[in-house]
């Protein structure tokens, strides 16, 4: 048989109610996740030099985070070669797909439409280079 514990627990968290810890709601967690996917998409969009698309994505990141996203002050002076551009477009397509899933999960129509448009644009770019 087991012997009962006779000493107090060493871990101070034992006996503390879970309500004492800060927790985020599901909606807040989805907002954080969505902002992260869009911020990553923004970085790739900047690397590709797609300034108009970057402005739209940045606006949604700002809306979700409540602050403007940190962005590189300058992008490289040279355009990526075809192979690097294809990899960037594939990455952007994947990030937009993730953003679309989270946006649909939180019923954010604006971001869902934006993500679908970005997916279409990057899929078209991949078709042009024959990588899709």
N, C-alpha and C. Protein backbone atom coordinates (compact mmCIF):
# COMPACT_ATOMS: atom_id res chain seq x y z
N UNK A 1 0.82 -1.18 0.00
CA UNK A 1 0.00 0.00 0.00
C UNK A 1 0.87 1.25 0.00
N UNK A 2 0.25 2.35 -0.41
CA UNK A 2 0.96 3.61 -0.43
C UNK A 2 0.83 4.32 0.91
N UNK A 3 1.89 5.00 1.27
CA UNK A 3 1.85 5.77 2.51
C UNK A 3 1.37 7.17 2.20
N UNK A 4 0.46 7.73 2.97
CA UNK A 4 -0.03 9.07 2.69
C UNK A 4 1.07 10.12 2.85
N UNK A 5 0.96 11.21 2.08
CA UNK A 5 1.92 12.30 2.15
C UNK A 5 1.69 13.04 3.46
N UNK A 6 2.76 13.22 4.22
CA UNK A 6 2.64 13.85 5.54
C UNK A 6 3.21 15.25 5.58
N UNK A 7 3.91 15.67 4.54
CA UNK A 7 4.50 17.01 4.53
C UNK A 7 3.76 17.87 3.52
N UNK A 8 3.91 19.17 3.70
CA UNK A 8 3.29 20.09 2.75
C UNK A 8 4.04 20.04 1.42
N UNK A 9 3.35 20.36 0.36
CA UNK A 9 3.96 20.36 -0.96
C UNK A 9 5.02 21.46 -1.05
N UNK A 10 6.08 21.19 -1.77
CA UNK A 10 7.15 22.15 -1.95
C UNK A 10 6.79 23.16 -3.03
N UNK A 11 6.05 22.73 -4.02
CA UNK A 11 5.68 23.61 -5.13
C UNK A 11 4.62 24.61 -4.65
N UNK A 12 4.92 25.92 -4.68
CA UNK A 12 3.97 26.91 -4.17
C UNK A 12 2.70 27.04 -5.01
N UNK A 13 2.71 26.53 -6.24
CA UNK A 13 1.54 26.65 -7.10
C UNK A 13 0.45 25.66 -6.72
N UNK A 14 0.81 24.61 -6.01
CA UNK A 14 -0.18 23.60 -5.63
C UNK A 14 -1.14 24.24 -4.64
N UNK A 15 -2.37 24.10 -4.88
CA UNK A 15 -3.39 24.69 -4.02
C UNK A 15 -3.84 26.07 -4.48
N UNK A 16 -3.15 26.63 -5.48
CA UNK A 16 -3.54 27.94 -6.01
C UNK A 16 -4.58 27.71 -7.09
N UNK A 17 -5.61 28.50 -7.08
CA UNK A 17 -6.67 28.34 -8.08
C UNK A 17 -6.18 28.78 -9.45
N UNK A 18 -6.61 28.07 -10.48
CA UNK A 18 -6.21 28.40 -11.84
C UNK A 18 -6.66 29.81 -12.24
N UNK A 19 -7.69 30.32 -11.65
CA UNK A 19 -8.17 31.65 -11.96
C UNK A 19 -7.20 32.74 -11.55
N UNK A 20 -6.20 32.38 -10.74
CA UNK A 20 -5.21 33.35 -10.30
C UNK A 20 -4.18 33.67 -11.38
N UNK A 21 -4.11 32.85 -12.40
CA UNK A 21 -3.14 33.05 -13.47
C UNK A 21 -3.79 33.80 -14.63
N UNK A 22 -3.02 34.68 -15.27
CA UNK A 22 -3.60 35.36 -16.44
C UNK A 22 -3.82 34.35 -17.56
N UNK A 23 -4.96 34.42 -18.16
CA UNK A 23 -5.30 33.53 -19.26
C UNK A 23 -5.88 34.35 -20.39
N UNK A 24 -5.69 33.88 -21.58
CA UNK A 24 -6.30 34.57 -22.72
C UNK A 24 -7.48 33.74 -23.20
N UNK A 25 -8.44 34.43 -23.73
CA UNK A 25 -9.60 33.73 -24.28
C UNK A 25 -9.23 33.12 -25.62
N UNK A 26 -10.09 32.29 -26.12
CA UNK A 26 -9.85 31.68 -27.44
C UNK A 26 -9.77 32.76 -28.51
N UNK A 27 -10.64 33.76 -28.42
CA UNK A 27 -10.63 34.84 -29.41
C UNK A 27 -9.30 35.61 -29.36
N UNK A 28 -8.80 35.87 -28.16
CA UNK A 28 -7.52 36.57 -28.03
C UNK A 28 -6.38 35.73 -28.58
N UNK A 29 -6.42 34.44 -28.31
CA UNK A 29 -5.38 33.54 -28.82
C UNK A 29 -5.42 33.50 -30.35
N UNK A 30 -6.60 33.48 -30.93
CA UNK A 30 -6.71 33.49 -32.39
C UNK A 30 -6.23 34.82 -32.98
N UNK A 31 -6.53 35.92 -32.30
CA UNK A 31 -6.04 37.23 -32.75
C UNK A 31 -4.51 37.25 -32.78
N UNK A 32 -3.91 36.73 -31.73
CA UNK A 32 -2.44 36.70 -31.64
C UNK A 32 -1.87 35.83 -32.75
N UNK A 33 -2.47 34.67 -32.94
CA UNK A 33 -2.00 33.76 -33.98
C UNK A 33 -2.16 34.38 -35.37
N UNK A 34 -3.30 34.99 -35.62
CA UNK A 34 -3.56 35.61 -36.91
C UNK A 34 -2.59 36.76 -37.17
N UNK A 35 -2.37 37.59 -36.17
CA UNK A 35 -1.42 38.70 -36.32
C UNK A 35 -0.02 38.17 -36.62
N UNK A 36 0.34 37.07 -36.00
CA UNK A 36 1.65 36.47 -36.26
C UNK A 36 1.79 35.98 -37.69
N UNK A 37 0.77 35.30 -38.19
CA UNK A 37 0.81 34.82 -39.58
C UNK A 37 0.87 36.00 -40.56
N UNK A 38 0.07 37.02 -40.27
CA UNK A 38 0.08 38.19 -41.16
C UNK A 38 1.41 38.95 -41.09
N UNK A 39 2.00 39.03 -39.92
CA UNK A 39 3.30 39.70 -39.80
C UNK A 39 4.37 38.95 -40.59
N UNK A 40 4.32 37.63 -40.53
CA UNK A 40 5.27 36.83 -41.31
C UNK A 40 5.01 37.01 -42.81
N UNK A 41 3.74 37.05 -43.19
CA UNK A 41 3.38 37.30 -44.59
C UNK A 41 3.87 38.68 -45.03
N UNK A 42 3.76 39.65 -44.14
CA UNK A 42 4.23 41.00 -44.44
C UNK A 42 5.73 41.02 -44.69
N UNK A 43 6.48 40.28 -43.91
CA UNK A 43 7.93 40.22 -44.09
C UNK A 43 8.29 39.66 -45.46
N UNK A 44 7.63 38.57 -45.84
CA UNK A 44 7.90 37.96 -47.15
C UNK A 44 7.44 38.89 -48.27
N UNK A 45 6.32 39.54 -48.06
CA UNK A 45 5.79 40.48 -49.06
C UNK A 45 6.78 41.63 -49.27
N UNK A 46 7.35 42.12 -48.18
CA UNK A 46 8.38 43.16 -48.28
C UNK A 46 9.62 42.66 -49.02
N UNK A 47 10.03 41.43 -48.74
CA UNK A 47 11.20 40.86 -49.42
C UNK A 47 10.97 40.73 -50.92
N UNK A 48 9.73 40.48 -51.30
CA UNK A 48 9.41 40.37 -52.72
C UNK A 48 9.25 41.73 -53.38
N UNK A 49 9.20 42.78 -52.59
CA UNK A 49 9.05 44.12 -53.14
C UNK A 49 7.63 44.44 -53.58
N UNK A 50 6.64 43.80 -53.00
CA UNK A 50 5.23 44.03 -53.35
C UNK A 50 4.67 45.09 -52.41
N UNK A 51 5.00 46.34 -52.72
CA UNK A 51 4.69 47.45 -51.81
C UNK A 51 3.19 47.66 -51.57
N UNK A 52 2.39 47.60 -52.62
CA UNK A 52 0.95 47.82 -52.46
C UNK A 52 0.32 46.74 -51.58
N UNK A 53 0.69 45.51 -51.81
CA UNK A 53 0.17 44.41 -51.00
C UNK A 53 0.66 44.54 -49.56
N UNK A 54 1.89 44.97 -49.38
CA UNK A 54 2.45 45.12 -48.04
C UNK A 54 1.67 46.15 -47.22
N UNK A 55 1.23 47.22 -47.86
CA UNK A 55 0.46 48.25 -47.17
C UNK A 55 -0.85 47.67 -46.63
N UNK A 56 -1.52 46.87 -47.44
CA UNK A 56 -2.79 46.28 -47.04
C UNK A 56 -2.59 45.27 -45.90
N UNK A 57 -1.57 44.44 -46.02
CA UNK A 57 -1.29 43.46 -44.97
C UNK A 57 -0.90 44.17 -43.67
N UNK A 58 -0.07 45.20 -43.78
CA UNK A 58 0.36 45.96 -42.60
C UNK A 58 -0.83 46.60 -41.89
N UNK A 59 -1.80 47.06 -42.64
CA UNK A 59 -2.99 47.66 -42.03
C UNK A 59 -3.75 46.64 -41.18
N UNK A 60 -3.82 45.40 -41.64
CA UNK A 60 -4.52 44.37 -40.88
C UNK A 60 -3.72 43.95 -39.64
N UNK A 61 -2.41 43.91 -39.76
CA UNK A 61 -1.57 43.60 -38.59
C UNK A 61 -1.75 44.70 -37.55
N UNK A 62 -1.76 45.94 -38.00
CA UNK A 62 -1.97 47.08 -37.09
C UNK A 62 -3.31 46.98 -36.39
N UNK A 63 -4.35 46.62 -37.14
CA UNK A 63 -5.69 46.49 -36.55
C UNK A 63 -5.72 45.41 -35.48
N UNK A 64 -5.06 44.29 -35.75
CA UNK A 64 -5.10 43.17 -34.81
C UNK A 64 -4.23 43.41 -33.58
N UNK A 65 -3.08 44.00 -33.79
CA UNK A 65 -2.14 44.21 -32.69
C UNK A 65 -2.35 45.53 -31.96
N UNK A 66 -2.99 46.47 -32.62
CA UNK A 66 -3.16 47.78 -32.00
C UNK A 66 -1.94 48.66 -32.15
N UNK A 67 -0.97 48.22 -32.91
CA UNK A 67 0.26 49.00 -33.15
C UNK A 67 0.81 48.58 -34.50
N UNK A 68 1.56 49.49 -35.10
CA UNK A 68 2.14 49.18 -36.41
C UNK A 68 3.19 48.08 -36.26
N UNK A 69 3.28 47.20 -37.25
CA UNK A 69 4.27 46.12 -37.18
C UNK A 69 5.68 46.65 -37.40
N UNK A 70 6.63 45.99 -36.78
CA UNK A 70 8.03 46.33 -37.01
C UNK A 70 8.40 45.83 -38.41
N UNK A 71 9.01 46.69 -39.17
CA UNK A 71 9.39 46.33 -40.54
C UNK A 71 10.81 46.76 -40.78
N UNK A 72 11.47 46.06 -41.68
CA UNK A 72 12.82 46.44 -42.06
C UNK A 72 12.75 47.80 -42.74
N UNK A 73 13.69 48.68 -42.40
CA UNK A 73 13.66 50.03 -42.96
C UNK A 73 13.94 50.01 -44.46
N UNK A 74 14.76 49.08 -44.89
CA UNK A 74 15.07 48.99 -46.32
C UNK A 74 15.08 47.52 -46.72
N UNK A 75 14.64 47.26 -47.91
CA UNK A 75 14.79 45.91 -48.41
C UNK A 75 16.06 45.87 -49.25
N UNK A 76 16.59 44.72 -49.50
CA UNK A 76 17.82 44.63 -50.29
C UNK A 76 17.67 45.35 -51.63
N UNK A 77 18.75 45.94 -52.10
CA UNK A 77 18.73 46.69 -53.35
C UNK A 77 18.52 45.84 -54.58
N UNK A 78 18.81 44.57 -54.49
CA UNK A 78 18.66 43.72 -55.67
C UNK A 78 17.43 42.83 -55.54
N UNK A 79 16.85 42.53 -56.66
CA UNK A 79 15.68 41.65 -56.69
C UNK A 79 16.17 40.21 -56.52
N UNK A 80 15.37 39.36 -55.87
CA UNK A 80 15.77 37.95 -55.73
C UNK A 80 15.79 37.26 -57.09
N UNK A 81 16.69 36.29 -57.24
CA UNK A 81 16.74 35.55 -58.50
C UNK A 81 15.48 34.67 -58.60
N UNK A 82 15.31 34.02 -59.73
CA UNK A 82 14.06 33.28 -59.99
C UNK A 82 13.82 32.19 -58.96
N UNK A 83 14.86 31.48 -58.58
CA UNK A 83 14.70 30.40 -57.61
C UNK A 83 14.33 30.94 -56.23
N UNK A 84 14.99 32.01 -55.82
CA UNK A 84 14.68 32.62 -54.52
C UNK A 84 13.29 33.23 -54.53
N UNK A 85 12.92 33.85 -55.65
CA UNK A 85 11.58 34.44 -55.75
C UNK A 85 10.51 33.36 -55.68
N UNK A 86 10.75 32.23 -56.32
CA UNK A 86 9.78 31.13 -56.28
C UNK A 86 9.64 30.62 -54.84
N UNK A 87 10.75 30.50 -54.14
CA UNK A 87 10.70 30.04 -52.74
C UNK A 87 9.94 31.05 -51.87
N UNK A 88 10.17 32.34 -52.11
CA UNK A 88 9.47 33.37 -51.35
C UNK A 88 7.97 33.36 -51.65
N UNK A 89 7.62 33.20 -52.92
CA UNK A 89 6.20 33.13 -53.29
C UNK A 89 5.53 31.90 -52.66
N UNK A 90 6.25 30.77 -52.63
CA UNK A 90 5.70 29.57 -52.00
C UNK A 90 5.50 29.80 -50.51
N UNK A 91 6.47 30.42 -49.88
CA UNK A 91 6.37 30.73 -48.44
C UNK A 91 5.19 31.67 -48.18
N UNK A 92 5.06 32.70 -49.01
CA UNK A 92 3.96 33.65 -48.85
C UNK A 92 2.61 32.96 -49.06
N UNK A 93 2.54 32.07 -50.03
CA UNK A 93 1.30 31.33 -50.28
C UNK A 93 0.93 30.50 -49.06
N UNK A 94 1.91 29.82 -48.48
CA UNK A 94 1.66 28.99 -47.30
C UNK A 94 1.21 29.84 -46.10
N UNK A 95 1.86 30.98 -45.91
CA UNK A 95 1.49 31.86 -44.81
C UNK A 95 0.08 32.43 -45.00
N UNK A 96 -0.25 32.78 -46.23
CA UNK A 96 -1.59 33.29 -46.50
C UNK A 96 -2.63 32.20 -46.26
N UNK A 97 -2.29 30.96 -46.58
CA UNK A 97 -3.21 29.85 -46.32
C UNK A 97 -3.45 29.67 -44.82
N UNK A 98 -2.39 29.78 -44.04
CA UNK A 98 -2.53 29.67 -42.59
C UNK A 98 -3.38 30.82 -42.05
N UNK A 99 -3.12 32.02 -42.56
CA UNK A 99 -3.91 33.18 -42.13
C UNK A 99 -5.38 32.99 -42.49
N UNK A 100 -5.64 32.43 -43.66
CA UNK A 100 -7.02 32.18 -44.09
C UNK A 100 -7.72 31.21 -43.13
N UNK A 101 -7.04 30.16 -42.73
CA UNK A 101 -7.64 29.20 -41.80
C UNK A 101 -7.99 29.85 -40.46
N UNK A 102 -7.06 30.64 -39.93
CA UNK A 102 -7.31 31.28 -38.64
C UNK A 102 -8.40 32.35 -38.79
N UNK A 103 -8.36 33.10 -39.88
CA UNK A 103 -9.38 34.13 -40.11
C UNK A 103 -10.77 33.51 -40.22
N UNK A 104 -10.85 32.38 -40.88
CA UNK A 104 -12.15 31.69 -40.97
C UNK A 104 -12.58 31.19 -39.60
N UNK A 105 -11.64 30.74 -38.82
CA UNK A 105 -11.95 30.24 -37.49
C UNK A 105 -12.48 31.33 -36.57
N UNK A 106 -11.99 32.55 -36.76
CA UNK A 106 -12.47 33.66 -35.91
C UNK A 106 -13.48 34.54 -36.63
N UNK A 107 -13.91 34.10 -37.81
CA UNK A 107 -14.95 34.79 -38.59
C UNK A 107 -14.55 36.22 -38.93
N UNK A 108 -13.29 36.41 -39.32
CA UNK A 108 -12.80 37.72 -39.74
C UNK A 108 -12.81 37.75 -41.27
N UNK A 109 -13.91 38.23 -41.81
CA UNK A 109 -14.11 38.22 -43.26
C UNK A 109 -13.08 39.06 -44.00
N UNK A 110 -12.73 40.20 -43.43
CA UNK A 110 -11.77 41.09 -44.08
C UNK A 110 -10.44 40.40 -44.30
N UNK A 111 -9.93 39.77 -43.25
CA UNK A 111 -8.64 39.09 -43.37
C UNK A 111 -8.77 37.84 -44.23
N UNK A 112 -9.89 37.15 -44.15
CA UNK A 112 -10.09 35.96 -44.98
C UNK A 112 -10.03 36.32 -46.46
N UNK A 113 -10.68 37.41 -46.83
CA UNK A 113 -10.65 37.86 -48.23
C UNK A 113 -9.23 38.27 -48.62
N UNK A 114 -8.56 39.02 -47.75
CA UNK A 114 -7.18 39.43 -48.02
C UNK A 114 -6.28 38.21 -48.20
N UNK A 115 -6.40 37.24 -47.31
CA UNK A 115 -5.56 36.04 -47.38
C UNK A 115 -5.83 35.26 -48.67
N UNK A 116 -7.09 35.14 -49.04
CA UNK A 116 -7.43 34.43 -50.28
C UNK A 116 -6.86 35.15 -51.50
N UNK A 117 -6.94 36.48 -51.49
CA UNK A 117 -6.37 37.27 -52.60
C UNK A 117 -4.86 37.08 -52.68
N UNK A 118 -4.18 37.08 -51.51
CA UNK A 118 -2.73 36.90 -51.50
C UNK A 118 -2.37 35.50 -51.98
N UNK A 119 -3.17 34.50 -51.58
CA UNK A 119 -2.91 33.13 -52.05
C UNK A 119 -3.01 33.07 -53.58
N UNK A 120 -4.06 33.69 -54.12
CA UNK A 120 -4.23 33.71 -55.57
C UNK A 120 -3.06 34.40 -56.27
N UNK A 121 -2.64 35.53 -55.73
CA UNK A 121 -1.54 36.29 -56.34
C UNK A 121 -0.24 35.48 -56.32
N UNK A 122 0.04 34.83 -55.19
CA UNK A 122 1.29 34.07 -55.11
C UNK A 122 1.20 32.78 -55.93
N UNK A 123 0.03 32.19 -56.03
CA UNK A 123 -0.14 31.01 -56.89
C UNK A 123 0.08 31.38 -58.36
N UNK A 124 -0.43 32.56 -58.75
CA UNK A 124 -0.21 33.04 -60.13
C UNK A 124 1.26 33.29 -60.37
N UNK A 125 1.94 33.87 -59.40
CA UNK A 125 3.37 34.14 -59.56
C UNK A 125 4.15 32.83 -59.67
N UNK A 126 3.74 31.83 -58.90
CA UNK A 126 4.40 30.51 -58.99
C UNK A 126 4.15 29.86 -60.35
N UNK A 127 2.95 30.03 -60.89
CA UNK A 127 2.63 29.49 -62.22
C UNK A 127 3.51 30.14 -63.28
N UNK A 128 3.77 31.44 -63.12
CA UNK A 128 4.61 32.14 -64.10
C UNK A 128 6.03 31.60 -64.14
N UNK A 129 6.55 31.25 -62.99
CA UNK A 129 7.92 30.73 -62.95
C UNK A 129 7.96 29.21 -63.09
N UNK A 130 6.77 28.59 -63.18
CA UNK A 130 6.70 27.15 -63.39
C UNK A 130 7.03 26.34 -62.17
N UNK A 131 6.90 26.92 -60.97
CA UNK A 131 7.25 26.21 -59.75
C UNK A 131 6.04 25.64 -59.04
N UNK A 132 4.87 25.84 -59.53
CA UNK A 132 3.65 25.43 -58.83
C UNK A 132 3.02 24.23 -59.44
